Amino acid sequence: MAKVLVVGITGGSGAIYAQRFLKQAVLHYDRILLTISEQAVQVARTELDISLDRGNWSTGSWLGEDYPQIELLGDRDYFTPPASGSFVHDGMVIVPCSMGTAGRIANGISDNLVTRAADVCLKEGRKLILVPREMPWNLIMLRNLTQLAEAGATILPACPAWYHKPRSLEELADTVVARILQNLRVQQTIVKQWAGDVSD
């Protein structure tokens, strides 16, 4: 059976996490249904110097290579598979997840495809991973994230690890990507599993 992953990219800082995650996800999933918010497009342009033309979509502009298994969905299109509970998939990752997006999901406000697809994951008991990149967290944010965790979501903050001695921003971002993959129960090889010895 084909492995299908739903991915949402929102306007939180950290577009590099989305970019690095997608490059790894294509190695493990047969089909990736991707939705990108308008704010995420703006952030990617600012942080990665990437311009996304929705009318002429290509993964090459984002990932440097064409990956036919990635399908870009309209961010307001509710007539797509992830918007329906009858569509079975292997989980959803929102990376990065803005606090606005987290707040709307926590309170059942489905105002775009990302929040609707996340709502479907919660109601159907499917894997939902949120990767917030914000600091500090105020009380409202903390309560929203607590509510999401109580509802069944996995909160995986974009907190990179240093004990593997990353030598570039990409390697640093990959420490977060590795944790996302592990939480999806994917056997990743980009970062060594901790065994008490991380020396080369």
N, C-alpha and C. Protein backbone atom coordinates (compact mmCIF):
# COMPACT_ATOMS: atom_id res chain seq x y z
N MET A 1 0.83 -1.18 0.00
CA MET A 1 0.00 0.00 0.00
C MET A 1 0.88 1.25 0.00
N ALA A 2 0.53 2.25 -0.81
CA ALA A 2 1.33 3.47 -0.92
C ALA A 2 1.33 4.24 0.40
N LYS A 3 2.48 4.79 0.73
CA LYS A 3 2.60 5.62 1.93
C LYS A 3 2.33 7.07 1.55
N VAL A 4 1.40 7.69 2.25
CA VAL A 4 0.97 9.06 1.93
C VAL A 4 1.15 9.95 3.14
N LEU A 5 1.78 11.10 2.93
CA LEU A 5 2.00 12.08 3.99
C LEU A 5 1.40 13.42 3.59
N VAL A 6 0.76 14.08 4.54
CA VAL A 6 0.25 15.43 4.33
C VAL A 6 1.20 16.40 5.01
N VAL A 7 1.60 17.45 4.31
CA VAL A 7 2.54 18.43 4.85
C VAL A 7 1.96 19.83 4.68
N GLY A 8 1.97 20.59 5.76
CA GLY A 8 1.57 22.00 5.71
C GLY A 8 2.76 22.87 6.06
N ILE A 9 2.93 23.94 5.32
CA ILE A 9 3.98 24.92 5.61
C ILE A 9 3.29 26.25 5.87
N THR A 10 3.50 26.80 7.06
CA THR A 10 2.86 28.07 7.41
C THR A 10 3.90 29.16 7.62
N GLY A 11 3.43 30.32 8.04
CA GLY A 11 4.27 31.51 8.00
C GLY A 11 5.18 31.74 9.18
N GLY A 12 5.40 30.73 10.02
CA GLY A 12 6.38 30.90 11.08
C GLY A 12 7.78 30.94 10.50
N SER A 13 8.68 31.63 11.18
CA SER A 13 10.08 31.62 10.74
C SER A 13 10.61 30.20 10.80
N GLY A 14 11.50 29.88 9.85
CA GLY A 14 12.08 28.54 9.82
C GLY A 14 11.74 27.79 8.55
N ALA A 15 11.71 28.50 7.42
CA ALA A 15 11.42 27.85 6.14
C ALA A 15 12.43 26.77 5.82
N ILE A 16 13.64 26.89 6.35
CA ILE A 16 14.66 25.88 6.09
C ILE A 16 14.25 24.51 6.62
N TYR A 17 13.47 24.49 7.70
CA TYR A 17 13.01 23.21 8.25
C TYR A 17 12.08 22.51 7.26
N ALA A 18 11.19 23.28 6.65
CA ALA A 18 10.28 22.71 5.66
C ALA A 18 11.06 22.20 4.46
N GLN A 19 12.00 22.99 4.00
CA GLN A 19 12.81 22.62 2.84
C GLN A 19 13.59 21.33 3.10
N ARG A 20 14.28 21.26 4.22
CA ARG A 20 15.09 20.08 4.55
C ARG A 20 14.20 18.87 4.83
N PHE A 21 13.04 19.09 5.44
CA PHE A 21 12.14 17.98 5.73
C PHE A 21 11.60 17.34 4.45
N LEU A 22 11.18 18.18 3.51
CA LEU A 22 10.64 17.64 2.25
C LEU A 22 11.68 16.84 1.50
N LYS A 23 12.93 17.29 1.54
CA LYS A 23 13.99 16.56 0.84
C LYS A 23 14.19 15.16 1.42
N GLN A 24 13.91 15.00 2.70
CA GLN A 24 14.02 13.69 3.33
C GLN A 24 12.73 12.89 3.18
N ALA A 25 11.60 13.57 3.27
CA ALA A 25 10.31 12.87 3.21
C ALA A 25 10.11 12.16 1.88
N VAL A 26 10.63 12.73 0.79
CA VAL A 26 10.45 12.09 -0.52
C VAL A 26 11.16 10.74 -0.60
N LEU A 27 12.09 10.50 0.31
CA LEU A 27 12.80 9.21 0.33
C LEU A 27 11.97 8.12 0.99
N HIS A 28 10.92 8.51 1.70
CA HIS A 28 10.18 7.56 2.51
C HIS A 28 8.69 7.46 2.18
N TYR A 29 8.18 8.40 1.38
CA TYR A 29 6.74 8.42 1.08
C TYR A 29 6.51 8.40 -0.42
N ASP A 30 5.49 7.67 -0.82
CA ASP A 30 5.16 7.56 -2.24
C ASP A 30 4.40 8.78 -2.75
N ARG A 31 3.70 9.44 -1.83
CA ARG A 31 2.88 10.59 -2.21
C ARG A 31 2.90 11.59 -1.05
N ILE A 32 3.19 12.84 -1.37
CA ILE A 32 3.19 13.91 -0.37
C ILE A 32 2.24 14.99 -0.84
N LEU A 33 1.21 15.23 -0.05
CA LEU A 33 0.22 16.27 -0.36
C LEU A 33 0.60 17.51 0.42
N LEU A 34 0.98 18.54 -0.32
CA LEU A 34 1.58 19.74 0.28
C LEU A 34 0.68 20.95 0.13
N THR A 35 0.52 21.69 1.22
CA THR A 35 -0.18 22.96 1.14
C THR A 35 0.67 24.04 1.82
N ILE A 36 0.76 25.18 1.18
CA ILE A 36 1.63 26.27 1.63
C ILE A 36 0.79 27.53 1.77
N SER A 37 0.85 28.15 2.94
CA SER A 37 0.10 29.38 3.15
C SER A 37 0.78 30.55 2.44
N GLU A 38 0.03 31.61 2.21
CA GLU A 38 0.60 32.80 1.57
C GLU A 38 1.72 33.38 2.42
N GLN A 39 1.55 33.34 3.74
CA GLN A 39 2.59 33.86 4.63
C GLN A 39 3.86 33.02 4.52
N ALA A 40 3.70 31.70 4.33
CA ALA A 40 4.86 30.83 4.18
C ALA A 40 5.64 31.18 2.92
N VAL A 41 4.93 31.54 1.86
CA VAL A 41 5.58 31.96 0.62
C VAL A 41 6.43 33.20 0.87
N GLN A 42 5.88 34.14 1.63
CA GLN A 42 6.61 35.37 1.94
C GLN A 42 7.85 35.09 2.80
N VAL A 43 7.70 34.21 3.79
CA VAL A 43 8.82 33.88 4.66
C VAL A 43 9.93 33.18 3.87
N ALA A 44 9.56 32.25 3.00
CA ALA A 44 10.56 31.56 2.19
C ALA A 44 11.32 32.52 1.29
N ARG A 45 10.60 33.51 0.77
CA ARG A 45 11.25 34.52 -0.07
C ARG A 45 12.27 35.32 0.75
N THR A 46 11.92 35.63 1.99
CA THR A 46 12.79 36.42 2.86
C THR A 46 13.98 35.61 3.36
N GLU A 47 13.71 34.37 3.81
CA GLU A 47 14.76 33.58 4.47
C GLU A 47 15.62 32.77 3.52
N LEU A 48 15.03 32.30 2.41
CA LEU A 48 15.76 31.41 1.51
C LEU A 48 15.96 31.98 0.11
N ASP A 49 15.46 33.20 -0.13
CA ASP A 49 15.52 33.81 -1.46
C ASP A 49 14.85 32.93 -2.50
N ILE A 50 13.73 32.32 -2.11
CA ILE A 50 12.98 31.44 -3.00
C ILE A 50 11.66 32.11 -3.36
N SER A 51 11.35 32.15 -4.64
CA SER A 51 10.07 32.68 -5.10
C SER A 51 9.21 31.52 -5.58
N LEU A 52 7.98 31.48 -5.12
CA LEU A 52 7.07 30.41 -5.50
C LEU A 52 5.99 30.97 -6.39
N ASP A 53 5.92 30.44 -7.60
CA ASP A 53 4.87 30.81 -8.55
C ASP A 53 3.81 29.72 -8.53
N ARG A 54 2.69 29.98 -7.87
CA ARG A 54 1.66 28.95 -7.75
C ARG A 54 1.09 28.54 -9.11
N GLY A 55 1.13 29.45 -10.07
CA GLY A 55 0.61 29.14 -11.39
C GLY A 55 1.52 28.26 -12.21
N ASN A 56 2.78 28.19 -11.79
CA ASN A 56 3.77 27.37 -12.52
C ASN A 56 4.60 26.60 -11.50
N TRP A 57 3.90 25.77 -10.71
CA TRP A 57 4.53 25.11 -9.57
C TRP A 57 5.54 24.06 -10.00
N SER A 58 6.67 24.08 -9.31
CA SER A 58 7.70 23.07 -9.50
C SER A 58 8.47 22.92 -8.20
N THR A 59 8.72 21.67 -7.79
CA THR A 59 9.51 21.48 -6.58
C THR A 59 10.96 21.91 -6.78
N GLY A 60 11.36 22.04 -8.04
CA GLY A 60 12.72 22.45 -8.31
C GLY A 60 13.07 23.78 -7.71
N SER A 61 12.11 24.72 -7.69
CA SER A 61 12.37 26.05 -7.14
C SER A 61 12.57 25.99 -5.63
N TRP A 62 11.92 25.04 -4.97
CA TRP A 62 12.03 24.92 -3.52
C TRP A 62 13.15 23.98 -3.09
N LEU A 63 13.28 22.88 -3.83
CA LEU A 63 14.16 21.81 -3.37
C LEU A 63 15.36 21.56 -4.27
N GLY A 64 15.44 22.28 -5.39
CA GLY A 64 16.57 22.11 -6.29
C GLY A 64 16.47 20.91 -7.19
N GLU A 65 15.36 20.19 -7.11
CA GLU A 65 15.16 18.98 -7.92
C GLU A 65 13.65 18.74 -8.02
N ASP A 66 13.22 18.15 -9.13
CA ASP A 66 11.80 17.86 -9.31
C ASP A 66 11.45 16.53 -8.66
N TYR A 67 10.41 16.57 -7.83
CA TYR A 67 9.92 15.36 -7.16
C TYR A 67 8.45 15.19 -7.51
N PRO A 68 8.14 14.30 -8.45
CA PRO A 68 6.76 14.16 -8.91
C PRO A 68 5.80 13.67 -7.84
N GLN A 69 6.31 13.06 -6.76
CA GLN A 69 5.40 12.56 -5.73
C GLN A 69 4.88 13.67 -4.81
N ILE A 70 5.42 14.89 -4.96
CA ILE A 70 4.91 16.02 -4.18
C ILE A 70 3.86 16.74 -4.99
N GLU A 71 2.66 16.85 -4.44
CA GLU A 71 1.54 17.53 -5.10
C GLU A 71 1.18 18.78 -4.31
N LEU A 72 1.22 19.92 -4.96
CA LEU A 72 0.84 21.17 -4.30
C LEU A 72 -0.67 21.35 -4.38
N LEU A 73 -1.29 21.54 -3.22
CA LEU A 73 -2.73 21.74 -3.14
C LEU A 73 -3.02 23.21 -2.85
N GLY A 74 -4.15 23.68 -3.31
CA GLY A 74 -4.55 25.06 -3.04
C GLY A 74 -4.80 25.26 -1.55
N ASP A 75 -4.29 26.37 -0.99
CA ASP A 75 -4.40 26.56 0.45
C ASP A 75 -5.83 26.86 0.91
N ARG A 76 -6.74 27.06 -0.03
CA ARG A 76 -8.16 27.27 0.32
C ARG A 76 -9.07 26.23 -0.33
N ASP A 77 -8.48 25.19 -0.88
CA ASP A 77 -9.25 24.20 -1.62
C ASP A 77 -9.69 23.07 -0.68
N TYR A 78 -10.96 23.07 -0.31
CA TYR A 78 -11.49 22.05 0.59
C TYR A 78 -11.92 20.79 -0.16
N PHE A 79 -11.87 20.84 -1.48
CA PHE A 79 -12.23 19.67 -2.28
C PHE A 79 -10.98 18.88 -2.66
N THR A 80 -10.12 18.68 -1.67
CA THR A 80 -8.90 17.89 -1.84
C THR A 80 -8.90 16.78 -0.80
N PRO A 81 -8.18 15.69 -1.03
CA PRO A 81 -8.24 14.54 -0.13
C PRO A 81 -8.03 14.83 1.36
N PRO A 82 -7.00 15.63 1.77
CA PRO A 82 -6.76 15.80 3.20
C PRO A 82 -7.90 16.49 3.96
N ALA A 83 -8.81 17.14 3.23
CA ALA A 83 -9.92 17.84 3.89
C ALA A 83 -11.04 16.90 4.31
N SER A 84 -10.94 15.63 3.89
CA SER A 84 -11.99 14.66 4.18
C SER A 84 -11.51 13.57 5.12
N GLY A 85 -12.33 13.26 6.11
CA GLY A 85 -11.99 12.19 7.04
C GLY A 85 -11.98 10.82 6.40
N SER A 86 -12.62 10.67 5.25
CA SER A 86 -12.65 9.37 4.58
C SER A 86 -11.36 9.07 3.82
N PHE A 87 -10.49 10.07 3.69
CA PHE A 87 -9.20 9.87 3.02
C PHE A 87 -8.18 9.40 4.05
N VAL A 88 -7.68 8.20 3.87
CA VAL A 88 -6.74 7.61 4.83
C VAL A 88 -5.31 7.91 4.40
N HIS A 89 -4.52 8.41 5.33
CA HIS A 89 -3.11 8.69 5.04
C HIS A 89 -2.27 8.32 6.26
N ASP A 90 -0.97 8.55 6.16
CA ASP A 90 -0.05 8.10 7.20
C ASP A 90 0.37 9.19 8.18
N GLY A 91 -0.29 10.34 8.13
CA GLY A 91 0.01 11.39 9.08
C GLY A 91 0.19 12.74 8.43
N MET A 92 0.27 13.76 9.28
CA MET A 92 0.43 15.14 8.81
C MET A 92 1.48 15.84 9.65
N VAL A 93 2.30 16.63 8.97
CA VAL A 93 3.31 17.45 9.63
C VAL A 93 3.10 18.90 9.21
N ILE A 94 3.07 19.81 10.18
CA ILE A 94 3.03 21.24 9.88
C ILE A 94 4.36 21.82 10.31
N VAL A 95 5.17 22.21 9.31
CA VAL A 95 6.54 22.63 9.58
C VAL A 95 6.94 23.78 8.67
N PRO A 96 7.28 24.94 9.20
CA PRO A 96 7.04 25.32 10.59
C PRO A 96 5.56 25.61 10.81
N CYS A 97 5.16 25.58 12.08
CA CYS A 97 3.77 25.85 12.43
C CYS A 97 3.72 27.18 13.17
N SER A 98 3.08 28.16 12.56
CA SER A 98 2.94 29.46 13.21
C SER A 98 2.04 29.32 14.43
N MET A 99 2.20 30.21 15.39
CA MET A 99 1.36 30.16 16.58
C MET A 99 -0.09 30.52 16.25
N GLY A 100 -0.29 31.30 15.21
CA GLY A 100 -1.65 31.59 14.77
C GLY A 100 -2.32 30.33 14.26
N THR A 101 -1.58 29.53 13.48
CA THR A 101 -2.11 28.26 12.98
C THR A 101 -2.41 27.32 14.14
N ALA A 102 -1.48 27.21 15.09
CA ALA A 102 -1.67 26.34 16.25
C ALA A 102 -2.91 26.76 17.04
N GLY A 103 -3.07 28.07 17.21
CA GLY A 103 -4.22 28.57 17.95
C GLY A 103 -5.54 28.25 17.28
N ARG A 104 -5.56 28.37 15.95
CA ARG A 104 -6.80 28.06 15.24
C ARG A 104 -7.13 26.57 15.30
N ILE A 105 -6.11 25.73 15.14
CA ILE A 105 -6.36 24.29 15.23
C ILE A 105 -6.84 23.92 16.64
N ALA A 106 -6.20 24.50 17.65
CA ALA A 106 -6.55 24.19 19.04
C ALA A 106 -7.99 24.56 19.36
N ASN A 107 -8.52 25.54 18.66
CA ASN A 107 -9.86 26.01 18.95
C ASN A 107 -10.88 25.65 17.87
N GLY A 108 -10.50 24.72 17.00
CA GLY A 108 -11.43 24.19 16.01
C GLY A 108 -11.82 25.15 14.91
N ILE A 109 -10.91 26.08 14.59
CA ILE A 109 -11.19 27.06 13.53
C ILE A 109 -10.48 26.62 12.26
N SER A 110 -11.24 26.10 11.31
CA SER A 110 -10.67 25.62 10.05
C SER A 110 -10.86 26.67 8.97
N ASP A 111 -9.89 27.55 8.84
CA ASP A 111 -10.04 28.67 7.91
C ASP A 111 -9.20 28.51 6.64
N ASN A 112 -8.43 27.43 6.54
CA ASN A 112 -7.72 27.12 5.31
C ASN A 112 -7.46 25.61 5.27
N LEU A 113 -6.80 25.13 4.24
CA LEU A 113 -6.62 23.69 4.10
C LEU A 113 -5.72 23.11 5.18
N VAL A 114 -4.73 23.88 5.63
CA VAL A 114 -3.84 23.38 6.69
C VAL A 114 -4.63 23.10 7.96
N THR A 115 -5.41 24.08 8.39
CA THR A 115 -6.15 23.91 9.64
C THR A 115 -7.27 22.88 9.50
N ARG A 116 -7.89 22.80 8.32
CA ARG A 116 -8.93 21.79 8.10
C ARG A 116 -8.32 20.39 8.12
N ALA A 117 -7.20 20.20 7.42
CA ALA A 117 -6.56 18.88 7.38
C ALA A 117 -6.09 18.46 8.77
N ALA A 118 -5.60 19.42 9.56
CA ALA A 118 -5.17 19.12 10.93
C ALA A 118 -6.37 18.73 11.79
N ASP A 119 -7.47 19.44 11.61
CA ASP A 119 -8.70 19.13 12.34
C ASP A 119 -9.16 17.71 12.02
N VAL A 120 -9.05 17.33 10.76
CA VAL A 120 -9.42 15.98 10.33
C VAL A 120 -8.52 14.95 11.02
N CYS A 121 -7.23 15.22 11.10
CA CYS A 121 -6.31 14.29 11.77
C CYS A 121 -6.72 14.07 13.22
N LEU A 122 -7.07 15.14 13.91
CA LEU A 122 -7.45 15.02 15.31
C LEU A 122 -8.74 14.23 15.47
N LYS A 123 -9.72 14.54 14.63
CA LYS A 123 -11.00 13.86 14.80
C LYS A 123 -10.94 12.40 14.37
N GLU A 124 -10.03 12.05 13.46
CA GLU A 124 -9.90 10.68 13.00
C GLU A 124 -8.83 9.90 13.75
N GLY A 125 -8.14 10.57 14.68
CA GLY A 125 -7.11 9.90 15.46
C GLY A 125 -5.85 9.58 14.69
N ARG A 126 -5.53 10.42 13.68
CA ARG A 126 -4.32 10.20 12.89
C ARG A 126 -3.16 11.02 13.44
N LYS A 127 -1.97 10.62 13.06
CA LYS A 127 -0.76 11.30 13.54
C LYS A 127 -0.73 12.74 13.04
N LEU A 128 -0.54 13.66 13.97
CA LEU A 128 -0.41 15.09 13.64
C LEU A 128 0.77 15.65 14.41
N ILE A 129 1.76 16.16 13.68
CA ILE A 129 2.95 16.74 14.30
C ILE A 129 3.01 18.22 13.97
N LEU A 130 3.11 19.04 15.00
CA LEU A 130 3.24 20.49 14.84
C LEU A 130 4.66 20.90 15.24
N VAL A 131 5.31 21.69 14.39
CA VAL A 131 6.68 22.12 14.64
C VAL A 131 6.71 23.64 14.80
N PRO A 132 6.40 24.14 16.00
CA PRO A 132 6.40 25.59 16.20
C PRO A 132 7.82 26.15 16.27
N ARG A 133 7.99 27.36 15.80
CA ARG A 133 9.28 28.05 15.88
C ARG A 133 8.98 29.48 16.33
N GLU A 134 8.89 29.66 17.62
CA GLU A 134 8.54 30.96 18.19
C GLU A 134 9.11 31.03 19.59
N MET A 135 9.51 32.23 20.01
CA MET A 135 9.95 32.41 21.39
C MET A 135 9.87 33.88 21.77
N PRO A 136 9.60 34.16 23.02
CA PRO A 136 9.12 33.22 24.04
C PRO A 136 7.66 32.86 23.80
N TRP A 137 7.14 31.91 24.56
CA TRP A 137 5.74 31.52 24.46
C TRP A 137 4.96 32.22 25.56
N ASN A 138 3.88 32.89 25.16
CA ASN A 138 3.04 33.50 26.19
C ASN A 138 2.04 32.48 26.70
N LEU A 139 1.24 32.87 27.68
CA LEU A 139 0.32 31.93 28.32
C LEU A 139 -0.72 31.39 27.34
N ILE A 140 -1.18 32.25 26.42
CA ILE A 140 -2.17 31.80 25.43
C ILE A 140 -1.57 30.72 24.54
N MET A 141 -0.32 30.93 24.09
CA MET A 141 0.35 29.94 23.26
C MET A 141 0.52 28.62 24.01
N LEU A 142 0.95 28.71 25.26
CA LEU A 142 1.15 27.51 26.07
C LEU A 142 -0.15 26.74 26.24
N ARG A 143 -1.23 27.45 26.48
CA ARG A 143 -2.51 26.79 26.66
C ARG A 143 -2.99 26.16 25.35
N ASN A 144 -2.76 26.85 24.24
CA ASN A 144 -3.15 26.28 22.94
C ASN A 144 -2.37 25.00 22.65
N LEU A 145 -1.08 25.02 22.91
CA LEU A 145 -0.25 23.84 22.65
C LEU A 145 -0.61 22.70 23.60
N THR A 146 -0.92 23.05 24.86
CA THR A 146 -1.37 22.03 25.81
C THR A 146 -2.68 21.40 25.34
N GLN A 147 -3.58 22.24 24.87
CA GLN A 147 -4.87 21.75 24.37
C GLN A 147 -4.68 20.82 23.17
N LEU A 148 -3.74 21.18 22.29
CA LEU A 148 -3.45 20.34 21.13
C LEU A 148 -2.85 19.00 21.56
N ALA A 149 -1.93 19.03 22.52
CA ALA A 149 -1.34 17.79 23.02
C ALA A 149 -2.41 16.91 23.65
N GLU A 150 -3.32 17.51 24.39
CA GLU A 150 -4.40 16.76 25.02
C GLU A 150 -5.34 16.15 23.97
N ALA A 151 -5.44 16.82 22.82
CA ALA A 151 -6.31 16.33 21.75
C ALA A 151 -5.64 15.25 20.91
N GLY A 152 -4.33 15.03 21.14
CA GLY A 152 -3.65 13.95 20.43
C GLY A 152 -2.52 14.37 19.52
N ALA A 153 -2.28 15.67 19.38
CA ALA A 153 -1.19 16.13 18.52
C ALA A 153 0.16 15.96 19.21
N THR A 154 1.21 15.84 18.41
CA THR A 154 2.58 15.84 18.91
C THR A 154 3.15 17.23 18.71
N ILE A 155 3.61 17.85 19.78
CA ILE A 155 4.22 19.18 19.70
C ILE A 155 5.73 18.98 19.68
N LEU A 156 6.35 19.33 18.56
CA LEU A 156 7.77 19.11 18.37
C LEU A 156 8.43 20.44 18.03
N PRO A 157 8.80 21.23 19.04
CA PRO A 157 9.38 22.55 18.78
C PRO A 157 10.67 22.45 17.96
N ALA A 158 10.88 23.42 17.12
CA ALA A 158 12.09 23.44 16.29
C ALA A 158 13.27 23.87 17.14
N CYS A 159 13.73 22.95 17.98
CA CYS A 159 14.87 23.20 18.86
C CYS A 159 16.03 22.34 18.39
N PRO A 160 16.92 22.87 17.57
CA PRO A 160 18.02 22.05 17.03
C PRO A 160 18.97 21.57 18.12
N ALA A 161 19.59 20.45 17.88
CA ALA A 161 20.55 19.86 18.83
C ALA A 161 21.98 20.17 18.39
N TRP A 162 22.85 20.27 19.36
CA TRP A 162 24.24 20.65 19.08
C TRP A 162 25.24 19.53 19.35
N TYR A 163 24.81 18.45 20.02
CA TYR A 163 25.79 17.45 20.43
C TYR A 163 26.35 16.65 19.28
N HIS A 164 25.77 16.76 18.09
CA HIS A 164 26.34 16.10 16.92
C HIS A 164 27.34 17.01 16.19
N LYS A 165 27.56 18.18 16.77
CA LYS A 165 28.52 19.15 16.21
C LYS A 165 28.21 19.51 14.76
N PRO A 166 27.02 20.04 14.50
CA PRO A 166 26.66 20.42 13.12
C PRO A 166 27.61 21.48 12.59
N ARG A 167 27.97 21.35 11.32
CA ARG A 167 28.95 22.25 10.71
C ARG A 167 28.35 23.26 9.75
N SER A 168 27.02 23.24 9.62
CA SER A 168 26.34 24.19 8.73
C SER A 168 24.92 24.39 9.23
N LEU A 169 24.26 25.42 8.69
CA LEU A 169 22.86 25.64 9.04
C LEU A 169 22.00 24.47 8.61
N GLU A 170 22.36 23.87 7.47
CA GLU A 170 21.60 22.73 6.97
C GLU A 170 21.71 21.53 7.92
N GLU A 171 22.91 21.26 8.39
CA GLU A 171 23.09 20.15 9.33
C GLU A 171 22.39 20.42 10.65
N LEU A 172 22.38 21.68 11.06
CA LEU A 172 21.68 22.04 12.29
C LEU A 172 20.17 21.84 12.12
N ALA A 173 19.62 22.28 11.00
CA ALA A 173 18.20 22.08 10.73
C ALA A 173 17.86 20.60 10.65
N ASP A 174 18.79 19.81 10.15
CA ASP A 174 18.54 18.38 9.99
C ASP A 174 18.37 17.66 11.33
N THR A 175 18.88 18.24 12.42
CA THR A 175 18.67 17.61 13.72
C THR A 175 17.19 17.66 14.10
N VAL A 176 16.50 18.70 13.67
CA VAL A 176 15.04 18.79 13.89
C VAL A 176 14.32 17.87 12.92
N VAL A 177 14.75 17.87 11.66
CA VAL A 177 14.14 17.00 10.65
C VAL A 177 14.22 15.54 11.09
N ALA A 178 15.34 15.13 11.64
CA ALA A 178 15.51 13.76 12.09
C ALA A 178 14.49 13.40 13.16
N ARG A 179 14.23 14.32 14.07
CA ARG A 179 13.26 14.07 15.14
C ARG A 179 11.84 13.98 14.59
N ILE A 180 11.54 14.77 13.57
CA ILE A 180 10.22 14.67 12.95
C ILE A 180 10.05 13.29 12.33
N LEU A 181 11.06 12.85 11.59
CA LEU A 181 11.00 11.54 10.94
C LEU A 181 10.87 10.42 11.98
N GLN A 182 11.61 10.54 13.06
CA GLN A 182 11.52 9.52 14.10
C GLN A 182 10.12 9.46 14.69
N ASN A 183 9.49 10.62 14.86
CA ASN A 183 8.13 10.65 15.41
C ASN A 183 7.10 10.12 14.42
N LEU A 184 7.47 10.10 13.14
CA LEU A 184 6.62 9.47 12.13
C LEU A 184 6.92 7.97 12.01
N ARG A 185 7.82 7.48 12.86
CA ARG A 185 8.26 6.09 12.84
C ARG A 185 8.96 5.74 11.53
N VAL A 186 9.73 6.71 11.04
CA VAL A 186 10.52 6.51 9.83
C VAL A 186 11.97 6.27 10.23
N GLN A 187 12.59 5.31 9.62
CA GLN A 187 13.99 4.99 9.91
C GLN A 187 14.88 5.98 9.20
N GLN A 188 15.34 7.00 9.92
CA GLN A 188 16.16 8.04 9.30
C GLN A 188 17.63 7.77 9.55
N THR A 189 18.46 8.30 8.65
CA THR A 189 19.91 8.09 8.77
C THR A 189 20.68 9.40 8.71
N ILE A 190 19.99 10.53 8.72
CA ILE A 190 20.70 11.81 8.56
C ILE A 190 21.41 12.23 9.84
N VAL A 191 20.88 11.80 10.99
CA VAL A 191 21.52 12.09 12.28
C VAL A 191 21.62 10.80 13.05
N LYS A 192 22.81 10.53 13.60
CA LYS A 192 23.00 9.30 14.36
C LYS A 192 22.07 9.26 15.57
N GLN A 193 21.56 8.07 15.83
CA GLN A 193 20.76 7.90 17.03
C GLN A 193 21.66 8.02 18.25
N TRP A 194 21.14 8.70 19.28
CA TRP A 194 21.96 8.91 20.48
C TRP A 194 22.27 7.59 21.15
N ALA A 195 23.56 7.35 21.38
CA ALA A 195 23.98 6.12 22.05
C ALA A 195 25.06 6.41 23.09
N GLY A 196 25.14 7.68 23.49
CA GLY A 196 26.12 8.07 24.48
C GLY A 196 27.47 8.40 23.90
N ASP A 197 27.65 8.15 22.61
CA ASP A 197 28.92 8.45 21.95
C ASP A 197 28.62 9.04 20.59
N VAL A 198 28.85 10.35 20.44
CA VAL A 198 28.57 11.01 19.18
C VAL A 198 29.84 11.47 18.50
N SER A 199 30.96 10.96 18.94
CA SER A 199 32.22 11.32 18.32
C SER A 199 32.36 10.66 16.97
N ASP A 200 33.11 11.26 16.07
CA ASP A 200 33.31 10.68 14.73
C ASP A 200 34.21 9.46 14.80
